[in-house]
Structure formats: C-alpha cells, structure tokens
Amino acid sequence: KAFVTQDIPLYHNLEMKHLPGADPELVLLSHRYEELERIPLSDMTREEINQLLQELGFYRKETPDAPVPEEFQFAPAKPLPSPLPPQAPTADSKTPPKRDKGEHPDL
C-alpha cells in the first residue's frame, strides 16, 4: 500500500490502474500501447518492486512535481536499433545477404 501511495507518484511514465479483485501486476507496454509483458507483484516487497522498476529503466523523481531530464522523457523505452546499411551482394553470390537474428525484414 505504501508503494502505491508514496512511490508510484515519483516514477515517470508509470501509471496505476485499480482493478477491484485483481492481483497487482506490472504491465509493460510498447510505444504503441501493445502489451509486452506482465510481471506479478503480489509476492514482492516494496523494496523489491522499487528495485525492479529501477532495473527496467523507469526514472524516479525526487518529488512528484520535479522535472524529468530530457534524456528520460521516454524512459524506460529503449531507443530503436539503427538499421544496418544495405550490403550489395557480390558478383559470385547467389544468396541474399544474411540478416542478424534481431533484425526484422518488415521494418
């Protein structure tokens, strides 16, 4: 309860929605508000939840009204990886260039 009343207002880009009867959980959303992950919080202490938020990259302000530095405005969002420059196939190459596992051809 202390986390909800005292800690949540200090975190930038963290919002609490009360759902009667639901177990507390942290729902991580993409910049398009698509659900990425749900983390149950029922068995965690206040200190453990604060540590988790710090590890996830949420910015904690000194006071609820404190300004958020520019570099943390979109925290905890990570910047999108910059695309690799296209590679021209060599004259003797018959297969397309290999892509990294994390690279999405549709982006």
N, C-alpha and C. Protein backbone atom coordinates (compact mmCIF):
# COMPACT_ATOMS: atom_id res chain seq x y z
N LYS A 1 0.82 -1.19 0.00
CA LYS A 1 0.00 0.00 0.00
C LYS A 1 0.87 1.26 0.00
N ALA A 2 1.98 1.24 0.74
CA ALA A 2 2.88 2.39 0.78
C ALA A 2 3.49 2.63 -0.60
N PHE A 3 3.76 1.55 -1.33
CA PHE A 3 4.31 1.71 -2.68
C PHE A 3 3.32 2.50 -3.55
N VAL A 4 2.06 2.14 -3.49
CA VAL A 4 1.04 2.79 -4.31
C VAL A 4 0.89 4.27 -3.95
N THR A 5 0.83 4.57 -2.68
CA THR A 5 0.57 5.95 -2.27
C THR A 5 1.82 6.83 -2.27
N GLN A 6 2.99 6.26 -1.98
CA GLN A 6 4.20 7.07 -1.82
C GLN A 6 5.19 6.96 -2.97
N ASP A 7 5.29 5.79 -3.60
CA ASP A 7 6.33 5.58 -4.61
C ASP A 7 5.85 5.82 -6.04
N ILE A 8 4.68 5.34 -6.39
CA ILE A 8 4.20 5.49 -7.77
C ILE A 8 4.24 6.94 -8.25
N PRO A 9 3.82 7.92 -7.43
CA PRO A 9 3.86 9.31 -7.92
C PRO A 9 5.27 9.82 -8.26
N LEU A 10 6.30 9.13 -7.78
CA LEU A 10 7.67 9.55 -8.05
C LEU A 10 8.21 9.03 -9.39
N TYR A 11 7.56 8.03 -9.96
CA TYR A 11 8.06 7.42 -11.19
C TYR A 11 7.44 8.08 -12.41
N HIS A 12 8.30 8.39 -13.35
CA HIS A 12 7.87 8.97 -14.63
C HIS A 12 7.41 7.84 -15.55
N ASN A 13 6.32 8.04 -16.24
CA ASN A 13 5.75 7.07 -17.19
C ASN A 13 5.29 5.79 -16.50
N LEU A 14 4.86 5.90 -15.27
CA LEU A 14 4.29 4.76 -14.54
C LEU A 14 2.91 5.18 -14.08
N GLU A 15 1.93 4.40 -14.42
CA GLU A 15 0.55 4.73 -14.11
C GLU A 15 -0.10 3.56 -13.40
N MET A 16 -0.89 3.85 -12.39
CA MET A 16 -1.60 2.79 -11.67
C MET A 16 -3.06 2.78 -12.06
N LYS A 17 -3.56 1.60 -12.35
CA LYS A 17 -4.99 1.43 -12.61
C LYS A 17 -5.51 0.41 -11.61
N HIS A 18 -6.47 0.83 -10.81
CA HIS A 18 -7.04 -0.06 -9.80
C HIS A 18 -8.12 -0.92 -10.44
N LEU A 19 -7.94 -2.23 -10.34
CA LEU A 19 -8.92 -3.19 -10.83
C LEU A 19 -9.39 -4.01 -9.63
N PRO A 20 -10.60 -3.76 -9.12
CA PRO A 20 -11.08 -4.47 -7.94
C PRO A 20 -11.00 -5.99 -8.10
N GLY A 21 -10.40 -6.63 -7.10
CA GLY A 21 -10.30 -8.08 -7.09
C GLY A 21 -9.13 -8.65 -7.86
N ALA A 22 -8.43 -7.85 -8.63
CA ALA A 22 -7.30 -8.34 -9.42
C ALA A 22 -6.02 -8.31 -8.60
N ASP A 23 -5.16 -9.31 -8.80
CA ASP A 23 -3.85 -9.31 -8.16
C ASP A 23 -3.00 -8.22 -8.80
N PRO A 24 -2.17 -7.54 -8.02
CA PRO A 24 -1.34 -6.48 -8.59
C PRO A 24 -0.28 -7.03 -9.53
N GLU A 25 -0.13 -6.36 -10.66
CA GLU A 25 0.89 -6.75 -11.62
C GLU A 25 1.35 -5.53 -12.38
N LEU A 26 2.58 -5.59 -12.85
CA LEU A 26 3.15 -4.54 -13.67
C LEU A 26 2.96 -4.95 -15.11
N VAL A 27 2.31 -4.10 -15.90
CA VAL A 27 2.08 -4.39 -17.31
C VAL A 27 2.96 -3.45 -18.12
N LEU A 28 3.89 -4.01 -18.87
CA LEU A 28 4.80 -3.21 -19.69
C LEU A 28 4.20 -3.09 -21.09
N LEU A 29 4.15 -1.86 -21.59
CA LEU A 29 3.56 -1.58 -22.90
C LEU A 29 4.61 -1.03 -23.85
N SER A 30 4.40 -1.27 -25.13
CA SER A 30 5.27 -0.69 -26.16
C SER A 30 4.86 0.77 -26.39
N HIS A 31 5.62 1.46 -27.22
CA HIS A 31 5.27 2.85 -27.53
C HIS A 31 3.94 2.94 -28.26
N ARG A 32 3.46 1.82 -28.79
CA ARG A 32 2.14 1.77 -29.46
C ARG A 32 1.07 1.23 -28.52
N TYR A 33 1.40 1.15 -27.24
CA TYR A 33 0.50 0.66 -26.20
C TYR A 33 0.12 -0.81 -26.39
N GLU A 34 1.00 -1.56 -27.00
CA GLU A 34 0.81 -3.01 -27.13
C GLU A 34 1.45 -3.66 -25.91
N GLU A 35 0.78 -4.64 -25.34
CA GLU A 35 1.31 -5.31 -24.16
C GLU A 35 2.55 -6.12 -24.51
N LEU A 36 3.62 -5.89 -23.73
CA LEU A 36 4.87 -6.61 -23.93
C LEU A 36 5.06 -7.72 -22.90
N GLU A 37 4.71 -7.42 -21.65
CA GLU A 37 4.97 -8.37 -20.57
C GLU A 37 4.12 -8.01 -19.36
N ARG A 38 3.77 -9.03 -18.56
CA ARG A 38 3.07 -8.83 -17.28
C ARG A 38 3.94 -9.46 -16.19
N ILE A 39 4.18 -8.67 -15.15
CA ILE A 39 5.01 -9.15 -14.05
C ILE A 39 4.18 -9.10 -12.77
N PRO A 40 3.91 -10.28 -12.16
CA PRO A 40 3.12 -10.31 -10.93
C PRO A 40 3.90 -9.63 -9.79
N LEU A 41 3.19 -8.83 -8.98
CA LEU A 41 3.82 -8.09 -7.90
C LEU A 41 3.37 -8.56 -6.52
N SER A 42 2.42 -9.49 -6.44
CA SER A 42 1.83 -9.91 -5.17
C SER A 42 2.85 -10.37 -4.14
N ASP A 43 3.84 -11.11 -4.57
CA ASP A 43 4.81 -11.69 -3.63
C ASP A 43 6.04 -10.82 -3.42
N MET A 44 6.04 -9.61 -3.96
CA MET A 44 7.21 -8.74 -3.87
C MET A 44 7.03 -7.69 -2.78
N THR A 45 8.13 -7.33 -2.13
CA THR A 45 8.10 -6.27 -1.14
C THR A 45 8.19 -4.91 -1.85
N ARG A 46 7.95 -3.87 -1.10
CA ARG A 46 8.06 -2.51 -1.63
C ARG A 46 9.46 -2.28 -2.19
N GLU A 47 10.47 -2.69 -1.47
CA GLU A 47 11.85 -2.52 -1.90
C GLU A 47 12.13 -3.30 -3.18
N GLU A 48 11.61 -4.52 -3.28
CA GLU A 48 11.82 -5.34 -4.48
C GLU A 48 11.15 -4.71 -5.70
N ILE A 49 9.97 -4.14 -5.52
CA ILE A 49 9.27 -3.50 -6.64
C ILE A 49 10.05 -2.27 -7.09
N ASN A 50 10.53 -1.47 -6.14
CA ASN A 50 11.33 -0.29 -6.50
C ASN A 50 12.60 -0.71 -7.23
N GLN A 51 13.25 -1.76 -6.78
CA GLN A 51 14.47 -2.25 -7.44
C GLN A 51 14.15 -2.72 -8.86
N LEU A 52 13.04 -3.43 -9.03
CA LEU A 52 12.62 -3.90 -10.35
C LEU A 52 12.41 -2.72 -11.30
N LEU A 53 11.71 -1.69 -10.83
CA LEU A 53 11.46 -0.53 -11.68
C LEU A 53 12.76 0.16 -12.08
N GLN A 54 13.70 0.24 -11.16
CA GLN A 54 15.00 0.84 -11.47
C GLN A 54 15.73 0.00 -12.53
N GLU A 55 15.69 -1.32 -12.37
CA GLU A 55 16.35 -2.22 -13.32
C GLU A 55 15.71 -2.13 -14.70
N LEU A 56 14.41 -1.89 -14.74
CA LEU A 56 13.70 -1.78 -16.02
C LEU A 56 13.94 -0.42 -16.69
N GLY A 57 14.51 0.53 -15.94
CA GLY A 57 14.84 1.82 -16.53
C GLY A 57 13.85 2.93 -16.27
N PHE A 58 12.91 2.72 -15.36
CA PHE A 58 11.98 3.80 -15.01
C PHE A 58 12.74 4.89 -14.28
N TYR A 59 12.42 6.14 -14.58
CA TYR A 59 13.08 7.28 -13.94
C TYR A 59 12.32 7.64 -12.67
N ARG A 60 13.04 7.72 -11.55
CA ARG A 60 12.44 8.09 -10.26
C ARG A 60 12.83 9.53 -9.94
N LYS A 61 11.80 10.36 -9.77
CA LYS A 61 12.00 11.78 -9.46
C LYS A 61 12.20 11.95 -7.95
N GLU A 62 12.79 13.08 -7.57
CA GLU A 62 12.97 13.39 -6.15
C GLU A 62 11.63 13.69 -5.48
N THR A 63 10.78 14.42 -6.20
CA THR A 63 9.44 14.75 -5.71
C THR A 63 8.46 14.55 -6.87
N PRO A 64 7.18 14.35 -6.57
CA PRO A 64 6.22 14.14 -7.67
C PRO A 64 6.19 15.25 -8.70
N ASP A 65 6.48 16.50 -8.30
CA ASP A 65 6.43 17.64 -9.21
C ASP A 65 7.77 17.95 -9.87
N ALA A 66 8.81 17.22 -9.54
CA ALA A 66 10.14 17.51 -10.07
C ALA A 66 10.17 17.31 -11.59
N PRO A 67 10.95 18.14 -12.29
CA PRO A 67 11.05 17.97 -13.74
C PRO A 67 11.82 16.69 -14.09
N VAL A 68 11.53 16.17 -15.25
CA VAL A 68 12.20 14.96 -15.74
C VAL A 68 13.23 15.39 -16.78
N PRO A 69 14.50 15.01 -16.60
CA PRO A 69 15.52 15.38 -17.59
C PRO A 69 15.13 14.88 -18.99
N GLU A 70 15.53 15.64 -19.99
CA GLU A 70 15.19 15.34 -21.38
C GLU A 70 15.50 13.89 -21.76
N GLU A 71 16.66 13.40 -21.33
CA GLU A 71 17.07 12.04 -21.73
C GLU A 71 16.19 10.95 -21.13
N PHE A 72 15.35 11.30 -20.14
CA PHE A 72 14.47 10.31 -19.51
C PHE A 72 13.00 10.52 -19.86
N GLN A 73 12.69 11.44 -20.77
CA GLN A 73 11.31 11.73 -21.12
C GLN A 73 10.56 10.49 -21.60
N PHE A 74 11.23 9.60 -22.32
CA PHE A 74 10.57 8.40 -22.85
C PHE A 74 10.98 7.15 -22.09
N ALA A 75 11.68 7.32 -20.97
CA ALA A 75 12.11 6.17 -20.16
C ALA A 75 10.87 5.45 -19.64
N PRO A 76 10.89 4.15 -19.59
CA PRO A 76 12.02 3.25 -19.76
C PRO A 76 12.21 2.76 -21.19
N ALA A 77 11.55 3.37 -22.16
CA ALA A 77 11.69 2.92 -23.54
C ALA A 77 13.15 2.97 -23.98
N LYS A 78 13.55 1.97 -24.67
CA LYS A 78 14.91 1.91 -25.22
C LYS A 78 14.85 2.45 -26.64
N PRO A 79 15.90 3.14 -27.09
CA PRO A 79 15.88 3.62 -28.47
C PRO A 79 15.84 2.45 -29.45
N LEU A 80 15.18 2.67 -30.56
CA LEU A 80 15.12 1.63 -31.58
C LEU A 80 16.52 1.42 -32.16
N PRO A 81 16.89 0.17 -32.44
CA PRO A 81 18.21 -0.05 -33.01
C PRO A 81 18.28 0.57 -34.40
N SER A 82 19.41 1.17 -34.70
CA SER A 82 19.55 1.78 -36.02
C SER A 82 19.77 0.67 -37.04
N PRO A 83 19.14 0.79 -38.21
CA PRO A 83 19.26 -0.27 -39.21
C PRO A 83 20.68 -0.32 -39.77
N LEU A 84 21.08 -1.51 -40.13
CA LEU A 84 22.39 -1.69 -40.75
C LEU A 84 22.32 -1.21 -42.19
N PRO A 85 23.40 -0.63 -42.71
CA PRO A 85 23.37 -0.21 -44.11
C PRO A 85 23.21 -1.43 -45.02
N PRO A 86 22.49 -1.30 -46.12
CA PRO A 86 22.30 -2.45 -47.01
C PRO A 86 23.64 -2.88 -47.60
N GLN A 87 23.77 -4.19 -47.75
CA GLN A 87 25.00 -4.74 -48.32
C GLN A 87 24.71 -5.24 -49.72
N ALA A 88 25.51 -4.81 -50.65
CA ALA A 88 25.34 -5.28 -52.03
C ALA A 88 25.91 -6.69 -52.15
N PRO A 89 25.16 -7.60 -52.80
CA PRO A 89 25.70 -8.95 -52.97
C PRO A 89 26.90 -8.91 -53.92
N THR A 90 27.82 -9.81 -53.67
CA THR A 90 28.99 -9.89 -54.55
C THR A 90 28.60 -10.57 -55.85
N ALA A 91 29.41 -10.43 -56.87
CA ALA A 91 29.10 -10.96 -58.21
C ALA A 91 28.90 -12.47 -58.19
N ASP A 92 29.66 -13.18 -57.35
CA ASP A 92 29.54 -14.64 -57.33
C ASP A 92 28.54 -15.13 -56.29
N SER A 93 27.89 -14.22 -55.59
CA SER A 93 26.94 -14.60 -54.55
C SER A 93 25.56 -14.83 -55.16
N LYS A 94 24.98 -15.98 -54.83
CA LYS A 94 23.64 -16.30 -55.32
C LYS A 94 22.60 -16.24 -54.21
N THR A 95 23.05 -16.03 -52.98
CA THR A 95 22.12 -15.96 -51.86
C THR A 95 22.05 -14.53 -51.36
N PRO A 96 20.89 -14.13 -50.86
CA PRO A 96 20.77 -12.76 -50.34
C PRO A 96 21.65 -12.60 -49.10
N PRO A 97 22.00 -11.36 -48.75
CA PRO A 97 22.83 -11.15 -47.57
C PRO A 97 22.13 -11.65 -46.32
N LYS A 98 22.93 -12.17 -45.37
CA LYS A 98 22.39 -12.69 -44.12
C LYS A 98 21.94 -11.55 -43.24
N ARG A 99 20.90 -11.80 -42.45
CA ARG A 99 20.39 -10.80 -41.51
C ARG A 99 20.70 -11.29 -40.10
N ASP A 100 20.88 -10.33 -39.20
CA ASP A 100 21.04 -10.68 -37.79
C ASP A 100 19.71 -11.23 -37.30
N LYS A 101 19.78 -12.11 -36.26
CA LYS A 101 18.55 -12.69 -35.72
C LYS A 101 17.58 -11.63 -35.24
N GLY A 102 18.09 -10.53 -34.65
CA GLY A 102 17.22 -9.49 -34.12
C GLY A 102 16.68 -8.53 -35.18
N GLU A 103 17.15 -8.63 -36.40
CA GLU A 103 16.73 -7.71 -37.45
C GLU A 103 15.44 -8.18 -38.07
N HIS A 104 14.49 -7.29 -38.21
CA HIS A 104 13.20 -7.64 -38.79
C HIS A 104 13.13 -7.11 -40.21
N PRO A 105 12.97 -7.98 -41.20
CA PRO A 105 12.95 -7.52 -42.59
C PRO A 105 11.75 -6.64 -42.92
N ASP A 106 10.70 -6.70 -42.10
CA ASP A 106 9.50 -5.91 -42.40
C ASP A 106 9.54 -4.50 -41.81
N LEU A 107 10.62 -4.15 -41.14
CA LEU A 107 10.71 -2.80 -40.53
C LEU A 107 11.48 -1.87 -41.42
